[in-house]
Amino acid sequence: MLATATAPENAPGRQRPVHEVRLGAIKAAIWRNDTAAGPRHNVTFSRLFRDAEQWRSTESFGRDDLLLLAKVADQAHSWILAQGHDQ
């Protein structure tokens, strides 16, 4: 499953990522930080899982998650480079 999205719906008043990359259960959220030197981006990674009837996320990854994590990180890196800000 390959999906990318921008600014998912979060609770009002919360900062939202400027972009997300998701492959299966592995997700990267890309955050923009405006600095005196110009915009910079940071990335957080998570793994989604279902706990009974509720979806949850964790920042812990198992052996079988690592290849997808690397691919998501690569796509996040490519997206940030395409923005042309971070140098």
Protein backbone atom coordinates (compact mmCIF):
# COMPACT_ATOMS: atom_id res chain seq x y z
CA MET A 1 0.00 0.00 0.00
CA LEU A 2 1.43 3.34 -1.06
CA ALA A 3 -0.18 6.53 0.13
CA THR A 4 0.93 10.08 0.63
CA ALA A 5 -1.12 12.90 2.04
CA THR A 6 -0.77 16.45 3.22
CA ALA A 7 -1.79 17.83 6.61
CA PRO A 8 -3.99 15.14 8.15
CA GLU A 9 -6.86 16.19 10.32
CA ASN A 10 -5.75 16.66 13.92
CA ALA A 11 -7.31 18.29 16.92
CA PRO A 12 -7.88 22.04 16.44
CA GLY A 13 -4.98 24.20 17.57
CA ARG A 14 -2.39 21.46 17.12
CA GLN A 15 0.46 21.96 14.71
CA ARG A 16 0.12 19.73 11.66
CA PRO A 17 2.80 18.17 9.50
CA VAL A 18 3.25 19.81 6.11
CA HIS A 19 3.39 16.39 4.46
CA GLU A 20 3.08 12.70 5.30
CA VAL A 21 4.46 9.61 3.62
CA ARG A 22 2.96 6.22 4.41
CA LEU A 23 3.74 2.69 3.25
CA GLY A 24 1.58 0.09 4.94
CA ALA A 25 1.70 0.70 8.67
CA ILE A 26 4.85 2.86 8.58
CA LYS A 27 4.39 6.63 8.47
CA ALA A 28 6.66 9.67 8.27
CA ALA A 29 5.34 13.08 9.31
CA ILE A 30 7.32 16.00 7.91
CA TRP A 31 7.33 19.19 9.97
CA ARG A 32 8.38 22.64 8.75
CA ASN A 33 10.32 24.92 11.07
CA ASP A 34 10.85 28.52 10.01
CA THR A 35 14.25 29.75 11.20
CA ALA A 36 16.33 32.88 10.68
CA ALA A 37 18.34 30.89 8.12
CA GLY A 38 15.15 29.90 6.28
CA PRO A 39 12.76 26.96 6.44
CA ARG A 40 14.04 23.64 7.77
CA HIS A 41 12.27 20.30 7.96
CA ASN A 42 12.25 17.58 10.60
CA VAL A 43 10.73 14.13 10.28
CA THR A 44 9.08 11.87 12.85
CA PHE A 45 8.37 8.20 12.19
CA SER A 46 5.66 5.96 13.58
CA ARG A 47 4.12 2.54 13.12
CA LEU A 48 0.34 2.21 13.21
CA PHE A 49 -1.34 -0.81 14.80
CA ARG A 50 -4.79 -1.85 15.89
CA ASP A 51 -5.39 -2.44 19.60
CA ALA A 52 -8.81 -4.08 19.91
CA GLU A 53 -11.15 -1.54 18.27
CA GLN A 54 -8.80 1.44 18.37
CA TRP A 55 -5.93 2.52 16.10
CA ARG A 56 -2.74 3.45 17.92
CA SER A 57 0.80 4.37 16.96
CA THR A 58 4.24 3.61 18.31
CA GLU A 59 7.78 4.77 17.63
CA SER A 60 9.09 1.22 18.04
CA PHE A 61 9.90 -0.86 14.96
CA GLY A 62 10.47 -4.58 14.60
CA ARG A 63 12.81 -6.39 12.24
CA ASP A 64 10.12 -6.75 9.58
CA ASP A 65 9.36 -2.99 9.70
CA LEU A 66 12.89 -1.82 8.94
CA LEU A 67 12.84 -2.10 5.14
CA LEU A 68 9.59 -0.12 4.93
CA LEU A 69 10.98 2.39 7.42
CA ALA A 70 14.00 2.91 5.15
CA LYS A 71 11.76 3.36 2.10
CA VAL A 72 9.53 5.85 3.93
CA ALA A 73 12.63 7.76 5.10
CA ASP A 74 13.90 7.84 1.50
CA GLN A 75 10.59 9.23 0.22
CA ALA A 76 10.51 11.83 3.01
CA HIS A 77 14.06 12.86 2.13
CA SER A 78 13.12 13.19 -1.57
CA TRP A 79 10.08 15.31 -0.71
CA ILE A 80 12.14 17.65 1.46
CA LEU A 81 14.78 18.03 -1.27
CA ALA A 82 12.05 18.83 -3.80
CA GLN A 83 10.99 21.78 -1.62
CA GLY A 84 14.37 23.40 -2.26
CA HIS A 85 14.67 24.98 1.21
CA ASP A 86 17.02 22.84 3.31
CA GLN A 87 20.60 23.17 2.15
